[in-house]
Amino acid sequence: MAGRNDAAIAAALEAIAQVVGQQPAAGNGEVRMLETFLRNHPPAFKGRYDPDGAQTWLKEVERIFRVMQCSEVQKVRFGTYMLAEEADDWW
């Protein structure tokens, strides 16, 4: 099971990297959206080996994304902004 989760995490990070690499820099509207996102108190993801914790983190930030009607690019930018510790090192 650990190998499957590792492969899924690696695939997700690769997909995120591709999307980020294809997008132009954020503008003022993006900054306001980030501020709104942060006012919703999204949890940080620290990247420790905890598949249940990762799923919980993902559900919580996806809920905020839905309410804010974030684009796919914003989801990547805002989600990666919330990476901390080990997860930030992976990125």
PDB file of N, CA and C in Angstrom:
ATOM      1  N   MET A   1       0.821  -1.191   0.000  1.00  0.00           N
ATOM      2  CA  MET A   1       0.000   0.000   0.000  1.00  0.00           C
ATOM      3  C   MET A   1       0.865   1.255   0.000  1.00  0.00           C
ATOM      4  N   ALA A   2       1.986   1.237   0.718  1.00  0.00           N
ATOM      5  CA  ALA A   2       2.858   2.404   0.775  1.00  0.00           C
ATOM      6  C   ALA A   2       3.391   2.750  -0.598  1.00  0.00           C
ATOM      7  N   GLY A   3       3.768   1.751  -1.382  1.00  0.00           N
ATOM      8  CA  GLY A   3       4.283   2.005  -2.722  1.00  0.00           C
ATOM      9  C   GLY A   3       3.244   2.646  -3.615  1.00  0.00           C
ATOM     10  N   ARG A   4       2.002   2.232  -3.479  1.00  0.00           N
ATOM     11  CA  ARG A   4       0.916   2.804  -4.283  1.00  0.00           C
ATOM     12  C   ARG A   4       0.704   4.268  -3.904  1.00  0.00           C
ATOM     13  N   ASN A   5       0.718   4.579  -2.606  1.00  0.00           N
ATOM     14  CA  ASN A   5       0.553   5.961  -2.162  1.00  0.00           C
ATOM     15  C   ASN A   5       1.717   6.817  -2.613  1.00  0.00           C
ATOM     16  N   ASP A   6       2.940   6.286  -2.523  1.00  0.00           N
ATOM     17  CA  ASP A   6       4.115   7.029  -2.966  1.00  0.00           C
ATOM     18  C   ASP A   6       4.015   7.339  -4.450  1.00  0.00           C
ATOM     19  N   ALA A   7       3.577   6.372  -5.235  1.00  0.00           N
ATOM     20  CA  ALA A   7       3.440   6.580  -6.676  1.00  0.00           C
ATOM     21  C   ALA A   7       2.357   7.614  -6.967  1.00  0.00           C
ATOM     22  N   ALA A   8       1.268   7.575  -6.228  1.00  0.00           N
ATOM     23  CA  ALA A   8       0.184   8.542  -6.429  1.00  0.00           C
ATOM     24  C   ALA A   8       0.640   9.951  -6.068  1.00  0.00           C
ATOM     25  N   ILE A   9       1.373  10.079  -4.977  1.00  0.00           N
ATOM     26  CA  ILE A   9       1.894  11.383  -4.565  1.00  0.00           C
ATOM     27  C   ILE A   9       2.877  11.901  -5.602  1.00  0.00           C
ATOM     28  N   ALA A  10       3.764  11.044  -6.073  1.00  0.00           N
ATOM     29  CA  ALA A  10       4.738  11.451  -7.088  1.00  0.00           C
ATOM     30  C   ALA A  10       4.039  11.891  -8.368  1.00  0.00           C
ATOM     31  N   ALA A  11       3.013  11.168  -8.785  1.00  0.00           N
ATOM     32  CA  ALA A  11       2.273  11.530  -9.999  1.00  0.00           C
ATOM     33  C   ALA A  11       1.560  12.868  -9.818  1.00  0.00           C
ATOM     34  N   ALA A  12       0.981  13.087  -8.651  1.00  0.00           N
ATOM     35  CA  ALA A  12       0.290  14.351  -8.388  1.00  0.00           C
ATOM     36  C   ALA A  12       1.266  15.520  -8.394  1.00  0.00           C
ATOM     37  N   LEU A  13       2.418  15.343  -7.768  1.00  0.00           N
ATOM     38  CA  LEU A  13       3.422  16.407  -7.757  1.00  0.00           C
ATOM     39  C   LEU A  13       3.930  16.710  -9.162  1.00  0.00           C
ATOM     40  N   GLU A  14       4.103  15.693  -9.980  1.00  0.00           N
ATOM     41  CA  GLU A  14       4.535  15.890 -11.364  1.00  0.00           C
ATOM     42  C   GLU A  14       3.486  16.670 -12.148  1.00  0.00           C
ATOM     43  N   ALA A  15       2.219  16.330 -11.967  1.00  0.00           N
ATOM     44  CA  ALA A  15       1.143  17.043 -12.659  1.00  0.00           C
ATOM     45  C   ALA A  15       1.095  18.506 -12.227  1.00  0.00           C
ATOM     46  N   ILE A  16       1.269  18.749 -10.937  1.00  0.00           N
ATOM     47  CA  ILE A  16       1.284  20.118 -10.424  1.00  0.00           C
ATOM     48  C   ILE A  16       2.448  20.890 -11.027  1.00  0.00           C
ATOM     49  N   ALA A  17       3.617  20.282 -11.072  1.00  0.00           N
ATOM     50  CA  ALA A  17       4.795  20.944 -11.628  1.00  0.00           C
ATOM     51  C   ALA A  17       4.572  21.323 -13.088  1.00  0.00           C
ATOM     52  N   GLN A  18       3.930  20.467 -13.853  1.00  0.00           N
ATOM     53  CA  GLN A  18       3.662  20.763 -15.259  1.00  0.00           C
ATOM     54  C   GLN A  18       2.713  21.944 -15.401  1.00  0.00           C
ATOM     55  N   VAL A  19       1.661  21.980 -14.594  1.00  0.00           N
ATOM     56  CA  VAL A  19       0.702  23.081 -14.672  1.00  0.00           C
ATOM     57  C   VAL A  19       1.367  24.394 -14.292  1.00  0.00           C
ATOM     58  N   VAL A  20       2.135  24.395 -13.218  1.00  0.00           N
ATOM     59  CA  VAL A  20       2.799  25.614 -12.766  1.00  0.00           C
ATOM     60  C   VAL A  20       3.772  26.116 -13.825  1.00  0.00           C
ATOM     61  N   GLY A  21       4.500  25.228 -14.441  1.00  0.00           N
ATOM     62  CA  GLY A  21       5.472  25.615 -15.456  1.00  0.00           C
ATOM     63  C   GLY A  21       4.852  26.226 -16.693  1.00  0.00           C
ATOM     64  N   GLN A  22       3.581  25.983 -16.938  1.00  0.00           N
ATOM     65  CA  GLN A  22       2.910  26.482 -18.136  1.00  0.00           C
ATOM     66  C   GLN A  22       2.201  27.816 -17.917  1.00  0.00           C
ATOM     67  N   GLN A  23       2.195  28.344 -16.705  1.00  0.00           N
ATOM     68  CA  GLN A  23       1.381  29.512 -16.400  1.00  0.00           C
ATOM     69  C   GLN A  23       2.215  30.775 -16.221  1.00  0.00           C
ATOM     70  N   PRO A  24       1.654  31.941 -16.629  1.00  0.00           N
ATOM     71  CA  PRO A  24       2.335  33.222 -16.407  1.00  0.00           C
ATOM     72  C   PRO A  24       2.304  33.604 -14.930  1.00  0.00           C
ATOM     73  N   ALA A  25       3.073  34.607 -14.572  1.00  0.00           N
ATOM     74  CA  ALA A  25       3.145  35.065 -13.182  1.00  0.00           C
ATOM     75  C   ALA A  25       1.797  35.619 -12.722  1.00  0.00           C
ATOM     76  N   ALA A  26       1.575  35.570 -11.422  1.00  0.00           N
ATOM     77  CA  ALA A  26       0.319  36.039 -10.834  1.00  0.00           C
ATOM     78  C   ALA A  26       0.249  37.560 -10.858  1.00  0.00           C
ATOM     79  N   GLY A  27      -0.963  38.113 -11.033  1.00  0.00           N
ATOM     80  CA  GLY A  27      -1.185  39.552 -11.007  1.00  0.00           C
ATOM     81  C   GLY A  27      -1.840  39.972  -9.708  1.00  0.00           C
ATOM     82  N   ASN A  28      -2.297  41.243  -9.662  1.00  0.00           N
ATOM     83  CA  ASN A  28      -2.929  41.769  -8.447  1.00  0.00           C
ATOM     84  C   ASN A  28      -4.190  41.001  -8.070  1.00  0.00           C
ATOM     85  N   GLY A  29      -4.981  40.599  -9.063  1.00  0.00           N
ATOM     86  CA  GLY A  29      -6.183  39.818  -8.769  1.00  0.00           C
ATOM     87  C   GLY A  29      -5.839  38.511  -8.091  1.00  0.00           C
ATOM     88  N   GLU A  30      -4.735  37.934  -8.503  1.00  0.00           N
ATOM     89  CA  GLU A  30      -4.275  36.673  -7.912  1.00  0.00           C
ATOM     90  C   GLU A  30      -3.885  36.887  -6.448  1.00  0.00           C
ATOM     91  N   VAL A  31      -3.270  38.026  -6.167  1.00  0.00           N
ATOM     92  CA  VAL A  31      -2.872  38.335  -4.787  1.00  0.00           C
ATOM     93  C   VAL A  31      -4.114  38.467  -3.913  1.00  0.00           C
ATOM     94  N   ARG A  32      -5.130  39.146  -4.421  1.00  0.00           N
ATOM     95  CA  ARG A  32      -6.377  39.281  -3.647  1.00  0.00           C
ATOM     96  C   ARG A  32      -7.027  37.920  -3.418  1.00  0.00           C
ATOM     97  N   MET A  33      -6.988  37.078  -4.446  1.00  0.00           N
ATOM     98  CA  MET A  33      -7.547  35.731  -4.289  1.00  0.00           C
ATOM     99  C   MET A  33      -6.767  34.943  -3.237  1.00  0.00           C
ATOM    100  N   LEU A  34      -5.439  35.078  -3.241  1.00  0.00           N
ATOM    101  CA  LEU A  34      -4.628  34.387  -2.236  1.00  0.00           C
ATOM    102  C   LEU A  34      -4.983  34.890  -0.840  1.00  0.00           C
ATOM    103  N   GLU A  35      -5.156  36.200  -0.697  1.00  0.00           N
ATOM    104  CA  GLU A  35      -5.540  36.751   0.604  1.00  0.00           C
ATOM    105  C   GLU A  35      -6.884  36.180   1.064  1.00  0.00           C
ATOM    106  N   THR A  36      -7.828  36.078   0.142  1.00  0.00           N
ATOM    107  CA  THR A  36      -9.133  35.493   0.464  1.00  0.00           C
ATOM    108  C   THR A  36      -8.979  34.031   0.862  1.00  0.00           C
ATOM    109  N   PHE A  37      -8.169  33.310   0.103  1.00  0.00           N
ATOM    110  CA  PHE A  37      -7.899  31.905   0.415  1.00  0.00           C
ATOM    111  C   PHE A  37      -7.346  31.775   1.836  1.00  0.00           C
ATOM    112  N   LEU A  38      -6.378  32.607   2.182  1.00  0.00           N
ATOM    113  CA  LEU A  38      -5.743  32.530   3.502  1.00  0.00           C
ATOM    114  C   LEU A  38      -6.702  32.928   4.624  1.00  0.00           C
ATOM    115  N   ARG A  39      -7.653  33.813   4.343  1.00  0.00           N
ATOM    116  CA  ARG A  39      -8.646  34.188   5.365  1.00  0.00           C
ATOM    117  C   ARG A  39      -9.559  33.019   5.728  1.00  0.00           C
ATOM    118  N   ASN A  40      -9.593  32.003   4.881  1.00  0.00           N
ATOM    119  CA  ASN A  40     -10.377  30.798   5.165  1.00  0.00           C
ATOM    120  C   ASN A  40      -9.606  29.808   6.036  1.00  0.00           C
ATOM    121  N   HIS A  41      -8.414  30.179   6.457  1.00  0.00           N
ATOM    122  CA  HIS A  41      -7.578  29.375   7.349  1.00  0.00           C
ATOM    123  C   HIS A  41      -7.322  27.961   6.832  1.00  0.00           C
ATOM    124  N   PRO A  42      -6.763  27.849   5.626  1.00  0.00           N
ATOM    125  CA  PRO A  42      -6.449  26.509   5.115  1.00  0.00           C
ATOM    126  C   PRO A  42      -5.332  25.881   5.947  1.00  0.00           C
ATOM    127  N   PRO A  43      -5.377  24.583   6.137  1.00  0.00           N
ATOM    128  CA  PRO A  43      -4.311  23.927   6.904  1.00  0.00           C
ATOM    129  C   PRO A  43      -3.037  23.827   6.073  1.00  0.00           C
ATOM    130  N   ALA A  44      -1.906  23.816   6.751  1.00  0.00           N
ATOM    131  CA  ALA A  44      -0.629  23.557   6.074  1.00  0.00           C
ATOM    132  C   ALA A  44      -0.475  22.049   5.919  1.00  0.00           C
ATOM    133  N   PHE A  45       0.189  21.644   4.847  1.00  0.00           N
ATOM    134  CA  PHE A  45       0.495  20.225   4.655  1.00  0.00           C
ATOM    135  C   PHE A  45       1.986  20.057   4.858  1.00  0.00           C
ATOM    136  N   LYS A  46       2.369  19.252   5.854  1.00  0.00           N
ATOM    137  CA  LYS A  46       3.772  19.109   6.223  1.00  0.00           C
ATOM    138  C   LYS A  46       4.450  17.931   5.559  1.00  0.00           C
ATOM    139  N   GLY A  47       3.681  17.055   4.920  1.00  0.00           N
ATOM    140  CA  GLY A  47       4.268  15.992   4.118  1.00  0.00           C
ATOM    141  C   GLY A  47       4.714  14.754   4.861  1.00  0.00           C
ATOM    142  N   ARG A  48       4.406  14.667   6.116  1.00  0.00           N
ATOM    143  CA  ARG A  48       4.782  13.449   6.840  1.00  0.00           C
ATOM    144  C   ARG A  48       4.004  12.270   6.281  1.00  0.00           C
ATOM    145  N   TYR A  49       4.548  11.070   6.454  1.00  0.00           N
ATOM    146  CA  TYR A  49       3.872   9.891   5.914  1.00  0.00           C
ATOM    147  C   TYR A  49       2.610   9.631   6.723  1.00  0.00           C
ATOM    148  N   ASP A  50       1.517  10.108   6.207  1.00  0.00           N
ATOM    149  CA  ASP A  50       0.213   9.964   6.849  1.00  0.00           C
ATOM    150  C   ASP A  50      -0.848  10.068   5.758  1.00  0.00           C
ATOM    151  N   PRO A  51      -1.141   8.957   5.074  1.00  0.00           N
ATOM    152  CA  PRO A  51      -2.110   9.005   3.975  1.00  0.00           C
ATOM    153  C   PRO A  51      -3.467   9.575   4.390  1.00  0.00           C
ATOM    154  N   ASP A  52      -3.939   9.233   5.592  1.00  0.00           N
ATOM    155  CA  ASP A  52      -5.225   9.766   6.047  1.00  0.00           C
ATOM    156  C   ASP A  52      -5.140  11.274   6.255  1.00  0.00           C
ATOM    157  N   GLY A  53      -4.029  11.726   6.823  1.00  0.00           N
ATOM    158  CA  GLY A  53      -3.832  13.162   7.014  1.00  0.00           C
ATOM    159  C   GLY A  53      -3.758  13.901   5.689  1.00  0.00           C
ATOM    160  N   ALA A  54      -3.125  13.289   4.703  1.00  0.00           N
ATOM    161  CA  ALA A  54      -3.035  13.900   3.372  1.00  0.00           C
ATOM    162  C   ALA A  54      -4.420  14.019   2.747  1.00  0.00           C
ATOM    163  N   GLN A  55      -5.233  12.982   2.881  1.00  0.00           N
ATOM    164  CA  GLN A  55      -6.595  13.024   2.337  1.00  0.00           C
ATOM    165  C   GLN A  55      -7.429  14.100   3.041  1.00  0.00           C
ATOM    166  N   THR A  56      -7.276  14.210   4.347  1.00  0.00           N
ATOM    167  CA  THR A  56      -8.004  15.226   5.107  1.00  0.00           C
ATOM    168  C   THR A  56      -7.592  16.620   4.654  1.00  0.00           C
ATOM    169  N   TRP A  57      -6.276  16.841   4.500  1.00  0.00           N
ATOM    170  CA  TRP A  57      -5.771  18.134   4.035  1.00  0.00           C
ATOM    171  C   TRP A  57      -6.358  18.460   2.670  1.00  0.00           C
ATOM    172  N   LEU A  58      -6.321  17.509   1.765  1.00  0.00           N
ATOM    173  CA  LEU A  58      -6.818  17.718   0.411  1.00  0.00           C
ATOM    174  C   LEU A  58      -8.310  18.066   0.418  1.00  0.00           C
ATOM    175  N   LYS A  59      -9.094  17.361   1.209  1.00  0.00           N
ATOM    176  CA  LYS A  59     -10.530  17.648   1.285  1.00  0.00           C
ATOM    177  C   LYS A  59     -10.783  19.060   1.810  1.00  0.00           C
ATOM    178  N   GLU A  60     -10.004  19.473   2.810  1.00  0.00           N
ATOM    179  CA  GLU A  60     -10.200  20.800   3.396  1.00  0.00           C
ATOM    180  C   GLU A  60      -9.858  21.906   2.410  1.00  0.00           C
ATOM    181  N   VAL A  61      -8.743  21.791   1.698  1.00  0.00           N
ATOM    182  CA  VAL A  61      -8.395  22.850   0.744  1.00  0.00           C
ATOM    183  C   VAL A  61      -9.309  22.804  -0.478  1.00  0.00           C
ATOM    184  N   GLU A  62      -9.742  21.624  -0.898  1.00  0.00           N
ATOM    185  CA  GLU A  62     -10.676  21.541  -2.028  1.00  0.00           C
ATOM    186  C   GLU A  62     -12.010  22.201  -1.695  1.00  0.00           C
ATOM    187  N   ARG A  63     -12.436  22.098  -0.449  1.00  0.00           N
ATOM    188  CA  ARG A  63     -13.679  22.762  -0.026  1.00  0.00           C
ATOM    189  C   ARG A  63     -13.548  24.276  -0.197  1.00  0.00           C
ATOM    190  N   ILE A  64     -12.404  24.823   0.207  1.00  0.00           N
ATOM    191  CA  ILE A  64     -12.159  26.260   0.042  1.00  0.00           C
ATOM    192  C   ILE A  64     -12.101  26.610  -1.444  1.00  0.00           C
ATOM    193  N   PHE A  65     -11.413  25.796  -2.237  1.00  0.00           N
ATOM    194  CA  PHE A  65     -11.325  26.047  -3.679  1.00  0.00           C
ATOM    195  C   PHE A  65     -12.716  26.110  -4.311  1.00  0.00           C
ATOM    196  N   ARG A  66     -13.596  25.197  -3.925  1.00  0.00           N
ATOM    197  CA  ARG A  66     -14.953  25.173  -4.495  1.00  0.00           C
ATOM    198  C   ARG A  66     -15.703  26.457  -4.172  1.00  0.00           C
ATOM    199  N   VAL A  67     -15.659  26.868  -2.913  1.00  0.00           N
ATOM    200  CA  VAL A  67     -16.378  28.067  -2.490  1.00  0.00           C
ATOM    201  C   VAL A  67     -15.834  29.304  -3.206  1.00  0.00           C
ATOM    202  N   MET A  68     -14.531  29.354  -3.392  1.00  0.00           N
ATOM    203  CA  MET A  68     -13.905  30.501  -4.052  1.00  0.00           C
ATOM    204  C   MET A  68     -13.969  30.409  -5.574  1.00  0.00           C
ATOM    205  N   GLN A  69     -14.394  29.280  -6.105  1.00  0.00           N
ATOM    206  CA  GLN A  69     -14.431  29.030  -7.547  1.00  0.00           C
ATOM    207  C   GLN A  69     -13.055  29.275  -8.177  1.00  0.00           C
ATOM    208  N   CYS A  70     -12.041  28.678  -7.579  1.00  0.00           N
ATOM    209  CA  CYS A  70     -10.663  28.826  -8.051  1.00  0.00           C
ATOM    210  C   CYS A  70     -10.465  28.107  -9.381  1.00  0.00           C
ATOM    211  N   SER A  71      -9.623  28.693 -10.214  1.00  0.00           N
ATOM    212  CA  SER A  71      -9.219  28.024 -11.450  1.00  0.00           C
ATOM    213  C   SER A  71      -8.230  26.912 -11.092  1.00  0.00           C
ATOM    214  N   GLU A  72      -7.942  26.057 -12.054  1.00  0.00           N
ATOM    215  CA  GLU A  72      -6.966  24.990 -11.817  1.00  0.00           C
ATOM    216  C   GLU A  72      -5.599  25.581 -11.467  1.00  0.00           C
ATOM    217  N   VAL A  73      -5.226  26.660 -12.121  1.00  0.00           N
ATOM    218  CA  VAL A  73      -3.934  27.307 -11.850  1.00  0.00           C
ATOM    219  C   VAL A  73      -3.902  27.845 -10.424  1.00  0.00           C
ATOM    220  N   GLN A  74      -4.976  28.491 -10.000  1.00  0.00           N
ATOM    221  CA  GLN A  74      -5.034  29.010  -8.637  1.00  0.00           C
ATOM    222  C   GLN A  74      -4.971  27.882  -7.618  1.00  0.00           C
ATOM    223  N   LYS A  75      -5.628  26.781  -7.903  1.00  0.00           N
ATOM    224  CA  LYS A  75      -5.576  25.636  -6.992  1.00  0.00           C
ATOM    225  C   LYS A  75      -4.144  25.172  -6.799  1.00  0.00           C
ATOM    226  N   VAL A  76      -3.390  25.116  -7.878  1.00  0.00           N
ATOM    227  CA  VAL A  76      -1.988  24.686  -7.788  1.00  0.00           C
ATOM    228  C   VAL A  76      -1.185  25.699  -6.993  1.00  0.00           C
ATOM    229  N   ARG A  77      -1.319  26.959  -7.336  1.00  0.00           N
ATOM    230  CA  ARG A  77      -0.538  28.001  -6.647  1.00  0.00           C
ATOM    231  C   ARG A  77      -0.874  28.077  -5.164  1.00  0.00           C
ATOM    232  N   PHE A  78      -2.160  28.102  -4.851  1.00  0.00           N
ATOM    233  CA  PHE A  78      -2.564  28.240  -3.457  1.00  0.00           C
ATOM    234  C   PHE A  78      -2.260  26.973  -2.667  1.00  0.00           C
ATOM    235  N   GLY A  79      -2.481  25.832  -3.277  1.00  0.00           N
ATOM    236  CA  GLY A  79      -2.181  24.565  -2.607  1.00  0.00           C
ATOM    237  C   GLY A  79      -0.703  24.427  -2.300  1.00  0.00           C
ATOM    238  N   THR A  80       0.145  24.767  -3.269  1.00  0.00           N
ATOM    239  CA  THR A  80       1.588  24.660  -3.030  1.00  0.00           C
ATOM    240  C   THR A  80       2.069  25.708  -2.031  1.00  0.00           C
ATOM    241  N   TYR A  81       1.363  26.820  -1.935  1.00  0.00           N
ATOM    242  CA  TYR A  81       1.696  27.834  -0.936  1.00  0.00           C
ATOM    243  C   TYR A  81       1.542  27.269   0.474  1.00  0.00           C
ATOM    244  N   MET A  82       0.645  26.301   0.637  1.00  0.00           N
ATOM    245  CA  MET A  82       0.376  25.733   1.952  1.00  0.00           C
ATOM    246  C   MET A  82       1.281  24.546   2.294  1.00  0.00           C
ATOM    247  N   LEU A  83       2.218  24.215   1.421  1.00  0.00           N
ATOM    248  CA  LEU A  83       3.163  23.139   1.730  1.00  0.00           C
ATOM    249  C   LEU A  83       4.176  23.644   2.747  1.00  0.00           C
ATOM    250  N   ALA A  84       4.503  22.820   3.723  1.00  0.00           N
ATOM    251  CA  ALA A  84       5.446  23.195   4.775  1.00  0.00           C
ATOM    252  C   ALA A  84       6.364  22.016   5.073  1.00  0.00           C
ATOM    253  N   GLU A  85       7.465  22.317   5.704  1.00  0.00           N
ATOM    254  CA  GLU A  85       8.434  21.318   6.158  1.00  0.00           C
ATOM    255  C   GLU A  85       8.797  20.340   5.046  1.00  0.00           C
ATOM    256  N   GLU A  86       8.594  19.043   5.268  1.00  0.00           N
ATOM    257  CA  GLU A  86       8.998  18.030   4.291  1.00  0.00           C
ATOM    258  C   GLU A  86       8.317  18.231   2.942  1.00  0.00           C
ATOM    259  N   ALA A  87       7.043  18.574   2.962  1.00  0.00           N
ATOM    260  CA  ALA A  87       6.307  18.751   1.703  1.00  0.00           C
ATOM    261  C   ALA A  87       6.884  19.910   0.902  1.00  0.00           C
ATOM    262  N   ASP A  88       7.284  20.977   1.567  1.00  0.00           N
ATOM    263  CA  ASP A  88       7.892  22.111   0.873  1.00  0.00           C
ATOM    264  C   ASP A  88       9.241  21.716   0.291  1.00  0.00           C
ATOM    265  N   ASP A  89       9.973  20.879   0.998  1.00  0.00           N
ATOM    266  CA  ASP A  89      11.255  20.384   0.484  1.00  0.00           C
ATOM    267  C   ASP A  89      11.052  19.533  -0.762  1.00  0.00           C
ATOM    268  N   TRP A  90       9.985  18.737  -0.804  1.00  0.00           N
ATOM    269  CA  TRP A  90       9.695  17.920  -1.985  1.00  0.00           C
ATOM    270  C   TRP A  90       9.470  18.809  -3.185  1.00  0.00           C
ATOM    271  N   TRP A  91       8.737  19.896  -2.939  1.00  0.00           N
ATOM    272  CA  TRP A  91       8.341  20.780  -4.025  1.00  0.00           C
ATOM    273  C   TRP A  91       9.547  21.470  -4.582  1.00  0.00           C
TER     274      TRP A  91
END
